[in-house]
Structures are given as C-alpha cells and as structure tokens.
Amino acid sequence: MGLFKKNPFGHILFLKLWLIRILGAMTHRRFKGFNQLQIEGSEIIKNLPENNVLFVSNHQTYFADVVAMFHVFNASLSGRVDSIKNIGYLWRPKLNVYFVAAKETMKAGLLPKVLAYAGSVSIERTWRSEGKEVNRQVKMSDVSNIAKALQDGWVITFPQGTTKPWKPIRRGTAHIIKRNKPIVVPIVIDGFRRSFDRKGIRIKKRGILQSMEIKQPLEIDYENDSIEKIVEQLEYAIEQHPSFLKVISQEELKKEEELNKTRQWRY
C-alpha cells in the first residue's frame, strides 16, 4: 500500500488503516468483554466478492451497530467463524467497507467525524432534518456516492433510516438495489439498544447478550421485481415486517400469562 494512496472518496488509505486499528482496539471489549456478541452465519462473509455487496440491517444505535459489523466482517475474513476472539484480525482489515449515514449525524462532534473518515458515505435525509420532518428531493450526488462505494467495495445500510423499530423500509434502498444490482446480504441484530445509549457510544448496561445473524444473500430479479416487492423482501429479511411484531406481541403475552400463573401458584 502506497503511503498516500487514496480511495475513491479521497481518503488516505494508510490513515484509514490506522483509524480502524485504533478504533477497533478501543471498542473490542464492548462486544467481547463488557458484553458478549453472539454471531451466526459469519461463514457467508468469506465467500462474498470483493465489491458490489450491500448489507441491509435493522438499526438500534447510531454507531455501535456499524462498529460491531466491522469487527465481525474482518474477523470472518481472517478465518474466524462466528467469533471475534483475538483482535489480530485488525492488523489487516478490509479497507473498502462503507456505511450509509445521515450527513448531520456524521458532522455532530469529533468522534462522528473520525468514524466518517473510517468509512461513512454521508447523505442528506429526504424525510428528516435536525429533528424535524421534511420533504425534499433526493440529491443525485448522494445516489452517485453510494454507487461509487459499491463499485469499490462493500456498503452497509439501514433501510429504515432510524433506530426506532418497526418503521417502514425507505424505498430509496430498493431503487439503489435495482440500479446497482448488488449482492444483498441481510443482517438482523439485537441487544444493542439495551447495551448502549442511542448514539452507541456510552455503555448503558453491562452483561447484555448481543446478537448478530448474517443471512444468505437475497434472491432478487433486478429487472422484473417491482420496488414494492423488493421493499417487502427487505422487511421480511431484516425481520421488520409488521407480521413479526404480531408474533413478538403474542410471545410477550404468553410470557405474561406464565408469569401470572407463577404468581398465583406462589400466593
């Protein structure tokens, strides 16, 4: 690697390499120490091509979700299966991994700016800005930057565009899929909301079992599948379709009934 070699966004790869190493070393215990990350399906990562891969996931914190994925991806590429044990994998991380994030989020403080340099594709949200609902046109430069990132490597996106669960999938993700024809790999995460604050920086509670399930790539007919069909596929794949909420509600109701029976038996 040349000392001043840059990626398509003008970031110096040598600097990015050391940022990932340092940030990775600083955050490792958040997923293998204070809390434990249970991983499933990481063997899929090693068989993916070098570029044009889009990871779609539900979203629970601004930054912890992405950082955990960087750990899992690099550990998997280094031969670890469903494990991030031994941070030696950080010595030669994959440098062409990007994540889509709101531009205003990535400008809010020093740490977000550092993370942005490490791999953010920052975009302007069309539906929300500075905590207020807006309705504005998609910037074609944002669309082009996501395409550029896919051409160079892997891109992580959170198609709901929010850390709140059960929100609808943004149609823009389906348009990106139709336009760029990437391999689409779904990821389902849990436990991060209980472990960290909303930003994913402050540890809120220790001893939480976090989970990350990496699923098989989706089968998508890029030419014939409609935007609506792709959106529905994504909803099911990242387990954010309304039908999942009904199942969870029923499970919680059963747990409550069992708890009530236990209380009645005791008294």
C-alpha atoms as a PDB file:
ATOM      1  CA  MET A   1       0.000   0.000   0.000  1.00  0.00           C
ATOM      2  CA  GLY A   2       1.390   3.394  -1.004  1.00  0.00           C
ATOM      3  CA  LEU A   3       1.719   5.842   1.859  1.00  0.00           C
ATOM      4  CA  PHE A   4      -0.585   8.370   0.204  1.00  0.00           C
ATOM      5  CA  LYS A   5      -2.820   6.063  -1.813  1.00  0.00           C
ATOM      6  CA  LYS A   6      -6.457   7.184  -1.648  1.00  0.00           C
ATOM      7  CA  ASN A   7      -9.859   5.571  -2.043  1.00  0.00           C
ATOM      8  CA  PRO A   8     -12.490   6.949  -4.474  1.00  0.00           C
ATOM      9  CA  PHE A   9     -13.609   9.480  -1.836  1.00  0.00           C
ATOM     10  CA  GLY A  10     -10.154  10.960  -1.413  1.00  0.00           C
ATOM     11  CA  HIS A  11      -9.426   9.345   1.956  1.00  0.00           C
ATOM     12  CA  ILE A  12      -5.821   8.302   2.530  1.00  0.00           C
ATOM     13  CA  LEU A  13      -5.851   4.526   2.999  1.00  0.00           C
ATOM     14  CA  PHE A  14      -2.837   4.458   5.326  1.00  0.00           C
ATOM     15  CA  LEU A  15      -4.605   6.887   7.684  1.00  0.00           C
ATOM     16  CA  LYS A  16      -7.856   4.934   7.396  1.00  0.00           C
ATOM     17  CA  LEU A  17      -5.978   1.719   8.214  1.00  0.00           C
ATOM     18  CA  TRP A  18      -4.680   3.130  11.494  1.00  0.00           C
ATOM     19  CA  LEU A  19      -8.022   4.672  12.402  1.00  0.00           C
ATOM     20  CA  ILE A  20      -9.683   1.257  12.041  1.00  0.00           C
ATOM     21  CA  ARG A  21      -6.924  -0.429  14.047  1.00  0.00           C
ATOM     22  CA  ILE A  22      -7.135   2.104  16.889  1.00  0.00           C
ATOM     23  CA  LEU A  23     -10.933   2.318  16.987  1.00  0.00           C
ATOM     24  CA  GLY A  24     -11.178  -1.469  16.724  1.00  0.00           C
ATOM     25  CA  ALA A  25      -8.826  -1.976  19.673  1.00  0.00           C
ATOM     26  CA  MET A  26     -10.743   0.608  21.717  1.00  0.00           C
ATOM     27  CA  THR A  27     -14.160  -0.944  21.045  1.00  0.00           C
ATOM     28  CA  HIS A  28     -13.414  -4.669  21.083  1.00  0.00           C
ATOM     29  CA  ARG A  29     -14.358  -5.173  24.745  1.00  0.00           C
ATOM     30  CA  ARG A  30     -17.795  -3.694  24.080  1.00  0.00           C
ATOM     31  CA  PHE A  31     -18.582  -6.888  22.180  1.00  0.00           C
ATOM     32  CA  LYS A  32     -16.144  -9.332  23.784  1.00  0.00           C
ATOM     33  CA  GLY A  33     -15.820  -8.221  27.395  1.00  0.00           C
ATOM     34  CA  PHE A  34     -18.345  -5.863  28.965  1.00  0.00           C
ATOM     35  CA  ASN A  35     -20.973  -7.581  26.835  1.00  0.00           C
ATOM     36  CA  GLN A  36     -20.928 -10.673  24.611  1.00  0.00           C
ATOM     37  CA  LEU A  37     -21.753 -10.701  20.914  1.00  0.00           C
ATOM     38  CA  GLN A  38     -23.374 -13.909  19.693  1.00  0.00           C
ATOM     39  CA  ILE A  39     -22.709 -14.296  15.967  1.00  0.00           C
ATOM     40  CA  GLU A  40     -24.456 -16.577  13.499  1.00  0.00           C
ATOM     41  CA  GLY A  41     -23.771 -17.098   9.801  1.00  0.00           C
ATOM     42  CA  SER A  42     -20.413 -15.310   9.536  1.00  0.00           C
ATOM     43  CA  GLU A  43     -19.087 -18.000   7.186  1.00  0.00           C
ATOM     44  CA  ILE A  44     -21.147 -16.248   4.479  1.00  0.00           C
ATOM     45  CA  ILE A  45     -18.815 -13.232   4.651  1.00  0.00           C
ATOM     46  CA  LYS A  46     -15.736 -15.081   3.410  1.00  0.00           C
ATOM     47  CA  ASN A  47     -17.457 -16.214   0.208  1.00  0.00           C
ATOM     48  CA  LEU A  48     -18.585 -12.768  -0.920  1.00  0.00           C
ATOM     49  CA  PRO A  49     -16.952 -10.951  -3.847  1.00  0.00           C
ATOM     50  CA  GLU A  50     -14.582  -8.036  -3.308  1.00  0.00           C
ATOM     51  CA  ASN A  51     -17.135  -5.391  -4.265  1.00  0.00           C
ATOM     52  CA  ASN A  52     -20.789  -4.623  -5.076  1.00  0.00           C
ATOM     53  CA  VAL A  53     -22.128  -6.160  -1.870  1.00  0.00           C
ATOM     54  CA  LEU A  54     -24.902  -4.366   0.026  1.00  0.00           C
ATOM     55  CA  PHE A  55     -25.569  -5.312   3.654  1.00  0.00           C
ATOM     56  CA  VAL A  56     -29.046  -4.364   4.880  1.00  0.00           C
ATOM     57  CA  SER A  57     -29.834  -4.406   8.579  1.00  0.00           C
ATOM     58  CA  ASN A  58     -32.242  -3.229  11.228  1.00  0.00           C
ATOM     59  CA  HIS A  59     -30.838  -0.355  13.274  1.00  0.00           C
ATOM     60  CA  GLN A  60     -30.571   0.079  17.059  1.00  0.00           C
ATOM     61  CA  THR A  61     -27.828   2.664  17.712  1.00  0.00           C
ATOM     62  CA  TYR A  62     -26.062   5.264  15.592  1.00  0.00           C
ATOM     63  CA  PHE A  63     -22.569   3.792  15.748  1.00  0.00           C
ATOM     64  CA  ALA A  64     -22.309   0.554  17.798  1.00  0.00           C
ATOM     65  CA  ASP A  65     -24.138  -1.484  15.143  1.00  0.00           C
ATOM     66  CA  VAL A  66     -21.674  -0.472  12.423  1.00  0.00           C
ATOM     67  CA  VAL A  67     -18.603  -0.918  14.641  1.00  0.00           C
ATOM     68  CA  ALA A  68     -19.738  -4.450  15.554  1.00  0.00           C
ATOM     69  CA  MET A  69     -20.156  -5.275  11.857  1.00  0.00           C
ATOM     70  CA  PHE A  70     -16.631  -4.031  11.100  1.00  0.00           C
ATOM     71  CA  HIS A  71     -15.353  -6.398  13.805  1.00  0.00           C
ATOM     72  CA  VAL A  72     -17.377  -9.375  12.548  1.00  0.00           C
ATOM     73  CA  PHE A  73     -16.540  -8.817   8.867  1.00  0.00           C
ATOM     74  CA  ASN A  74     -12.805  -8.576   9.456  1.00  0.00           C
ATOM     75  CA  ALA A  75     -12.737 -11.462  11.926  1.00  0.00           C
ATOM     76  CA  SER A  76     -14.581 -13.629   9.384  1.00  0.00           C
ATOM     77  CA  LEU A  77     -12.223 -12.650   6.564  1.00  0.00           C
ATOM     78  CA  SER A  78      -9.343 -13.700   8.841  1.00  0.00           C
ATOM     79  CA  GLY A  79     -10.756 -17.206   9.221  1.00  0.00           C
ATOM     80  CA  ARG A  80     -12.759 -16.898  12.433  1.00  0.00           C
ATOM     81  CA  VAL A  81     -16.215 -18.474  12.351  1.00  0.00           C
ATOM     82  CA  ASP A  82     -18.894 -16.752  14.430  1.00  0.00           C
ATOM     83  CA  SER A  83     -16.215 -15.259  16.674  1.00  0.00           C
ATOM     84  CA  ILE A  84     -14.282 -12.028  17.206  1.00  0.00           C
ATOM     85  CA  LYS A  85     -11.834 -13.619  19.628  1.00  0.00           C
ATOM     86  CA  ASN A  86      -8.255 -12.296  19.395  1.00  0.00           C
ATOM     87  CA  ILE A  87      -8.146  -8.861  17.739  1.00  0.00           C
ATOM     88  CA  GLY A  88      -5.225  -9.795  15.489  1.00  0.00           C
ATOM     89  CA  TYR A  89      -7.670  -9.531  12.573  1.00  0.00           C
ATOM     90  CA  LEU A  90      -7.465  -5.737  12.940  1.00  0.00           C
ATOM     91  CA  TRP A  91      -3.895  -5.684  11.662  1.00  0.00           C
ATOM     92  CA  ARG A  92      -5.022  -6.153   8.051  1.00  0.00           C
ATOM     93  CA  PRO A  93      -8.646  -5.000   7.930  1.00  0.00           C
ATOM     94  CA  LYS A  94     -10.712  -4.699   4.784  1.00  0.00           C
ATOM     95  CA  LEU A  95     -10.445  -1.015   3.888  1.00  0.00           C
ATOM     96  CA  ASN A  96     -13.215  -0.812   1.293  1.00  0.00           C
ATOM     97  CA  VAL A  97     -16.131  -1.239   3.716  1.00  0.00           C
ATOM     98  CA  TYR A  98     -18.516   1.731   3.868  1.00  0.00           C
ATOM     99  CA  PHE A  99     -21.697   2.558   5.751  1.00  0.00           C
ATOM    100  CA  VAL A 100     -24.505   4.908   4.791  1.00  0.00           C
ATOM    101  CA  ALA A 101     -25.242   7.573   7.420  1.00  0.00           C
ATOM    102  CA  ALA A 102     -27.020  10.905   7.721  1.00  0.00           C
ATOM    103  CA  LYS A 103     -24.699  13.809   6.972  1.00  0.00           C
ATOM    104  CA  GLU A 104     -25.887  15.806  10.000  1.00  0.00           C
ATOM    105  CA  THR A 105     -25.113  12.837  12.301  1.00  0.00           C
ATOM    106  CA  MET A 106     -21.581  12.436  10.980  1.00  0.00           C
ATOM    107  CA  LYS A 107     -20.802  16.144  11.486  1.00  0.00           C
ATOM    108  CA  ALA A 108     -22.001  16.257  15.109  1.00  0.00           C
ATOM    109  CA  GLY A 109     -18.733  16.074  17.040  1.00  0.00           C
ATOM    110  CA  LEU A 110     -15.158  14.840  16.706  1.00  0.00           C
ATOM    111  CA  LEU A 111     -15.852  11.101  17.047  1.00  0.00           C
ATOM    112  CA  PRO A 112     -18.500  11.028  14.274  1.00  0.00           C
ATOM    113  CA  LYS A 113     -16.070  12.899  12.011  1.00  0.00           C
ATOM    114  CA  VAL A 114     -13.374  10.306  12.726  1.00  0.00           C
ATOM    115  CA  LEU A 115     -15.854   7.489  12.023  1.00  0.00           C
ATOM    116  CA  ALA A 116     -16.889   9.261   8.833  1.00  0.00           C
ATOM    117  CA  TYR A 117     -13.284   9.181   7.620  1.00  0.00           C
ATOM    118  CA  ALA A 118     -13.086   5.497   8.518  1.00  0.00           C
ATOM    119  CA  GLY A 119     -15.903   4.632   6.129  1.00  0.00           C
ATOM    120  CA  SER A 120     -19.028   6.774   6.001  1.00  0.00           C
ATOM    121  CA  VAL A 121     -20.998   7.558   2.864  1.00  0.00           C
ATOM    122  CA  SER A 122     -22.820  10.590   4.225  1.00  0.00           C
ATOM    123  CA  ILE A 123     -26.160  11.506   2.686  1.00  0.00           C
ATOM    124  CA  GLU A 124     -28.834  14.137   3.277  1.00  0.00           C
ATOM    125  CA  ARG A 125     -32.038  12.527   4.532  1.00  0.00           C
ATOM    126  CA  THR A 126     -35.062  13.454   2.445  1.00  0.00           C
ATOM    127  CA  TRP A 127     -37.594  12.899   5.227  1.00  0.00           C
ATOM    128  CA  ARG A 128     -35.985  14.353   8.358  1.00  0.00           C
ATOM    129  CA  SER A 129     -33.507  17.100   9.246  1.00  0.00           C
ATOM    130  CA  GLU A 130     -32.411  18.419  12.652  1.00  0.00           C
ATOM    131  CA  GLY A 131     -35.217  16.561  14.401  1.00  0.00           C
ATOM    132  CA  LYS A 132     -37.962  17.907  12.128  1.00  0.00           C
ATOM    133  CA  GLU A 133     -39.985  16.240   9.402  1.00  0.00           C
ATOM    134  CA  VAL A 134     -39.073  17.480   5.916  1.00  0.00           C
ATOM    135  CA  ASN A 135     -39.885  16.538   2.356  1.00  0.00           C
ATOM    136  CA  ARG A 136     -37.113  17.240  -0.106  1.00  0.00           C
ATOM    137  CA  GLN A 137     -35.686  15.873  -3.315  1.00  0.00           C
ATOM    138  CA  VAL A 138     -33.090  13.114  -3.311  1.00  0.00           C
ATOM    139  CA  LYS A 139     -29.651  14.517  -4.090  1.00  0.00           C
ATOM    140  CA  MET A 140     -28.240  12.739  -7.113  1.00  0.00           C
ATOM    141  CA  SER A 141     -24.733  13.191  -5.697  1.00  0.00           C
ATOM    142  CA  ASP A 142     -25.768  11.018  -2.727  1.00  0.00           C
ATOM    143  CA  VAL A 143     -27.038   8.313  -5.083  1.00  0.00           C
ATOM    144  CA  SER A 144     -23.793   8.520  -7.068  1.00  0.00           C
ATOM    145  CA  ASN A 145     -21.665   8.260  -3.915  1.00  0.00           C
ATOM    146  CA  ILE A 146     -23.440   5.072  -2.816  1.00  0.00           C
ATOM    147  CA  ALA A 147     -22.916   3.633  -6.305  1.00  0.00           C
ATOM    148  CA  LYS A 148     -19.240   4.653  -6.135  1.00  0.00           C
ATOM    149  CA  ALA A 149     -18.870   2.897  -2.761  1.00  0.00           C
ATOM    150  CA  LEU A 150     -20.483  -0.268  -4.138  1.00  0.00           C
ATOM    151  CA  GLN A 151     -18.152  -0.234  -7.138  1.00  0.00           C
ATOM    152  CA  ASP A 152     -15.198  -0.009  -4.752  1.00  0.00           C
ATOM    153  CA  GLY A 153     -16.305  -2.476  -2.070  1.00  0.00           C
ATOM    154  CA  TRP A 154     -18.997  -3.309   0.482  1.00  0.00           C
ATOM    155  CA  VAL A 155     -21.701  -0.985   1.777  1.00  0.00           C
ATOM    156  CA  ILE A 156     -23.732  -1.283   4.988  1.00  0.00           C
ATOM    157  CA  THR A 157     -27.112   0.429   5.012  1.00  0.00           C
ATOM    158  CA  PHE A 158     -30.021   0.626   7.432  1.00  0.00           C
ATOM    159  CA  PRO A 159     -33.032   0.891   5.129  1.00  0.00           C
ATOM    160  CA  GLN A 160     -35.441   2.078   7.836  1.00  0.00           C
ATOM    161  CA  GLY A 161     -33.321   5.192   8.277  1.00  0.00           C
ATOM    162  CA  THR A 162     -33.951   5.285  12.025  1.00  0.00           C
ATOM    163  CA  THR A 163     -33.035   3.420  15.208  1.00  0.00           C
ATOM    164  CA  LYS A 164     -36.727   3.032  16.071  1.00  0.00           C
ATOM    165  CA  PRO A 165     -38.033  -0.496  15.369  1.00  0.00           C
ATOM    166  CA  TRP A 166     -40.919  -1.381  13.051  1.00  0.00           C
ATOM    167  CA  LYS A 167     -40.578   1.736  10.920  1.00  0.00           C
ATOM    168  CA  PRO A 168     -41.176   1.296   7.169  1.00  0.00           C
ATOM    169  CA  ILE A 169     -38.364   0.499   4.754  1.00  0.00           C
ATOM    170  CA  ARG A 170     -37.311   3.515   2.706  1.00  0.00           C
ATOM    171  CA  ARG A 171     -37.990   2.955  -0.990  1.00  0.00           C
ATOM    172  CA  GLY A 172     -34.645   4.546  -1.847  1.00  0.00           C
ATOM    173  CA  THR A 173     -32.857   1.348  -0.801  1.00  0.00           C
ATOM    174  CA  ALA A 174     -34.905  -0.646  -3.307  1.00  0.00           C
ATOM    175  CA  HIS A 175     -34.029   1.874  -6.037  1.00  0.00           C
ATOM    176  CA  ILE A 176     -30.333   1.504  -5.172  1.00  0.00           C
ATOM    177  CA  ILE A 177     -30.679  -2.277  -5.482  1.00  0.00           C
ATOM    178  CA  LYS A 178     -32.474  -2.049  -8.838  1.00  0.00           C
ATOM    179  CA  ARG A 179     -29.927   0.417 -10.174  1.00  0.00           C
ATOM    180  CA  ASN A 180     -26.658  -1.177  -8.993  1.00  0.00           C
ATOM    181  CA  LYS A 181     -27.639  -4.883  -8.870  1.00  0.00           C
ATOM    182  CA  PRO A 182     -25.538  -5.709  -5.787  1.00  0.00           C
ATOM    183  CA  ILE A 183     -25.489  -8.939  -3.816  1.00  0.00           C
ATOM    184  CA  VAL A 184     -27.831  -8.118  -0.930  1.00  0.00           C
ATOM    185  CA  VAL A 185     -26.950  -9.692   2.424  1.00  0.00           C
ATOM    186  CA  PRO A 186     -29.470  -9.217   5.282  1.00  0.00           C
ATOM    187  CA  ILE A 187     -28.299  -8.852   8.886  1.00  0.00           C
ATOM    188  CA  VAL A 188     -30.506  -8.962  11.985  1.00  0.00           C
ATOM    189  CA  ILE A 189     -29.128  -7.509  15.210  1.00  0.00           C
ATOM    190  CA  ASP A 190     -30.461  -7.384  18.758  1.00  0.00           C
ATOM    191  CA  GLY A 191     -29.296  -6.342  22.215  1.00  0.00           C
ATOM    192  CA  PHE A 192     -27.514  -3.165  21.131  1.00  0.00           C
ATOM    193  CA  ARG A 193     -30.357  -0.932  22.259  1.00  0.00           C
ATOM    194  CA  ARG A 194     -30.132  -2.434  25.747  1.00  0.00           C
ATOM    195  CA  SER A 195     -26.327  -2.292  25.847  1.00  0.00           C
ATOM    196  CA  PHE A 196     -25.697   1.263  24.676  1.00  0.00           C
ATOM    197  CA  ASP A 197     -27.231   4.709  24.589  1.00  0.00           C
ATOM    198  CA  ARG A 198     -28.908   5.828  21.383  1.00  0.00           C
ATOM    199  CA  LYS A 199     -25.636   7.009  19.833  1.00  0.00           C
ATOM    200  CA  GLY A 200     -23.952   3.707  20.653  1.00  0.00           C
ATOM    201  CA  ILE A 201     -21.073   5.434  22.446  1.00  0.00           C
ATOM    202  CA  ARG A 202     -21.917   5.241  26.142  1.00  0.00           C
ATOM    203  CA  ILE A 203     -22.297   1.794  27.731  1.00  0.00           C
ATOM    204  CA  LYS A 204     -25.740   1.787  29.309  1.00  0.00           C
ATOM    205  CA  LYS A 205     -25.754  -1.714  30.769  1.00  0.00           C
ATOM    206  CA  ARG A 206     -23.183  -4.493  31.075  1.00  0.00           C
ATOM    207  CA  GLY A 207     -23.679  -8.232  30.814  1.00  0.00           C
ATOM    208  CA  ILE A 208     -26.092  -7.955  27.895  1.00  0.00           C
ATOM    209  CA  LEU A 209     -26.119 -10.677  25.258  1.00  0.00           C
ATOM    210  CA  GLN A 210     -25.968  -9.002  21.859  1.00  0.00           C
ATOM    211  CA  SER A 211     -26.723 -10.963  18.716  1.00  0.00           C
ATOM    212  CA  MET A 212     -25.938 -10.650  15.023  1.00  0.00           C
ATOM    213  CA  GLU A 213     -27.362 -13.029  12.441  1.00  0.00           C
ATOM    214  CA  ILE A 214     -25.944 -12.855   8.930  1.00  0.00           C
ATOM    215  CA  LYS A 215     -28.359 -14.400   6.447  1.00  0.00           C
ATOM    216  CA  GLN A 216     -27.928 -15.860   2.979  1.00  0.00           C
ATOM    217  CA  PRO A 217     -27.995 -13.294   0.129  1.00  0.00           C
ATOM    218  CA  LEU A 218     -31.459 -12.451  -1.164  1.00  0.00           C
ATOM    219  CA  GLU A 219     -32.677 -13.773  -4.491  1.00  0.00           C
ATOM    220  CA  ILE A 220     -33.718 -10.675  -6.414  1.00  0.00           C
ATOM    221  CA  ASP A 221     -34.808 -10.359 -10.018  1.00  0.00           C
ATOM    222  CA  TYR A 222     -33.286  -6.934 -10.659  1.00  0.00           C
ATOM    223  CA  GLU A 223     -35.076  -6.478 -13.969  1.00  0.00           C
ATOM    224  CA  ASN A 224     -38.577  -7.694 -13.135  1.00  0.00           C
ATOM    225  CA  ASP A 225     -39.100  -7.313  -9.366  1.00  0.00           C
ATOM    226  CA  SER A 226     -41.003  -4.151  -8.516  1.00  0.00           C
ATOM    227  CA  ILE A 227     -39.843  -1.618  -5.937  1.00  0.00           C
ATOM    228  CA  GLU A 228     -42.730  -2.731  -3.705  1.00  0.00           C
ATOM    229  CA  LYS A 229     -41.690  -6.385  -3.908  1.00  0.00           C
ATOM    230  CA  ILE A 230     -38.065  -5.588  -3.047  1.00  0.00           C
ATOM    231  CA  VAL A 231     -39.195  -3.436  -0.114  1.00  0.00           C
ATOM    232  CA  GLU A 232     -41.310  -6.317   1.187  1.00  0.00           C
ATOM    233  CA  GLN A 233     -38.373  -8.731   0.769  1.00  0.00           C
ATOM    234  CA  LEU A 234     -36.215  -6.411   2.843  1.00  0.00           C
ATOM    235  CA  GLU A 235     -38.872  -6.120   5.554  1.00  0.00           C
ATOM    236  CA  TYR A 236     -39.017  -9.881   5.950  1.00  0.00           C
ATOM    237  CA  ALA A 237     -35.249 -10.351   5.613  1.00  0.00           C
ATOM    238  CA  ILE A 238     -34.346  -7.961   8.452  1.00  0.00           C
ATOM    239  CA  GLU A 239     -37.404  -9.086  10.451  1.00  0.00           C
ATOM    240  CA  GLN A 240     -39.113  -5.704  10.459  1.00  0.00           C
ATOM    241  CA  HIS A 241     -42.281  -6.696   8.614  1.00  0.00           C
ATOM    242  CA  PRO A 242     -45.453  -5.931  10.647  1.00  0.00           C
ATOM    243  CA  SER A 243     -46.156  -9.682  10.888  1.00  0.00           C
ATOM    244  CA  PHE A 244     -43.076 -10.079  13.113  1.00  0.00           C
ATOM    245  CA  LEU A 245     -44.479  -7.520  15.524  1.00  0.00           C
ATOM    246  CA  LYS A 246     -47.625  -9.630  15.920  1.00  0.00           C
ATOM    247  CA  VAL A 247     -45.529 -12.728  16.682  1.00  0.00           C
ATOM    248  CA  ILE A 248     -43.488 -10.827  19.264  1.00  0.00           C
ATOM    249  CA  SER A 249     -46.648  -9.431  20.854  1.00  0.00           C
ATOM    250  CA  GLN A 250     -48.075 -12.953  21.155  1.00  0.00           C
ATOM    251  CA  GLU A 251     -44.829 -14.237  22.693  1.00  0.00           C
ATOM    252  CA  GLU A 252     -44.815 -11.386  25.230  1.00  0.00           C
ATOM    253  CA  LEU A 253     -48.459 -12.132  26.059  1.00  0.00           C
ATOM    254  CA  LYS A 254     -47.617 -15.806  26.688  1.00  0.00           C
ATOM    255  CA  LYS A 255     -44.718 -14.812  28.933  1.00  0.00           C
ATOM    256  CA  GLU A 256     -47.013 -12.518  30.904  1.00  0.00           C
ATOM    257  CA  GLU A 257     -49.611 -15.287  31.289  1.00  0.00           C
ATOM    258  CA  GLU A 258     -46.929 -17.720  32.511  1.00  0.00           C
ATOM    259  CA  LEU A 259     -45.665 -15.091  34.957  1.00  0.00           C
ATOM    260  CA  ASN A 260     -49.183 -14.545  36.287  1.00  0.00           C
ATOM    261  CA  LYS A 261     -49.664 -18.294  36.776  1.00  0.00           C
ATOM    262  CA  THR A 262     -46.405 -18.435  38.728  1.00  0.00           C
ATOM    263  CA  ARG A 263     -47.565 -15.572  40.946  1.00  0.00           C
ATOM    264  CA  GLN A 264     -50.917 -17.277  41.592  1.00  0.00           C
ATOM    265  CA  TRP A 265     -49.144 -20.548  42.493  1.00  0.00           C
ATOM    266  CA  ARG A 266     -46.899 -18.722  44.968  1.00  0.00           C
ATOM    267  CA  TYR A 267     -49.759 -16.971  46.743  1.00  0.00           C
END
